[in-house]
Amino acid sequence: MRRCLLAARAALSPALSPPCSSHALRAFAAASTGDRVWRVYLSGEIHSDWRERIADGLHKRNLPVSIVSPICVHEDSDDCAAIILGDEDKRMNYDGKGARMNAIRTRTLLEDADVVVVRFGEKYRQWNAAFDAGMAAAMGKSIITLHPPSLGHMLKEVNAAAMAVCEEPEQVVNTLDYCITGRLPDKPWTEGFVPIADRLGKGNPNP
């Protein structure tokens, strides 16, 4: 811990001597999170490899992130309570017991999370993901949504509560990397990107 504090102070020192160096400020951003391990909850559909792509990207960058998620084996989440507590004849009771048992994990991990990533796909309707997003918003969690552009209109209320709206898992990785280390990707997502200060001039001449 002492080493991290010293690194942060060393990075900040040149930044306090004008003119401020972008390199020094970025170094401070990287050092200022210290030994923190970021807890990221991944909610959403279980039919594509989006979780694996995020986990792989975070691992390759050696980011201090702990990933958690709900139970992702569909039949296990459906049958858990009936197997553990006893069977039910009616589907409503069967589903209700399972939902409540799964909620023990979901609520606990959501409450502990620093960031909640919620994935929506085109093929399946993720009612539970929308519910997780609502719970996360009520808890004041930082939410990142992940979905194709075609779902943007349907998810506008959910996206309004999100801190970032991503189209691809790689954008989620880049967002987390930036928030943790202050590091930006080498290539902007938009082809031919030009910073707005270069397009319109610095400052706000027309407030």
Foldseek 3Di string as FASTA:
>chain_A
DVVLVVQLCVLCVCCVPPPGDPVSVLSNLQSVVPPDAAEEEEAEALPDCLVVVLVVLCVVVVHRYDYDYFDNPVVCLQQVQCVVPHHDDDSVVSRVSSVVVSVVVLVVSLLVHQEYEAEDEDPDDTPVSVVSLVVSLVSVHAYEYEYAPVCCVVCVVSVVSHPYYYDGSVVVNQVVCCNNRVDHDPDDPDPPDDDVCVVPNDDCPDD
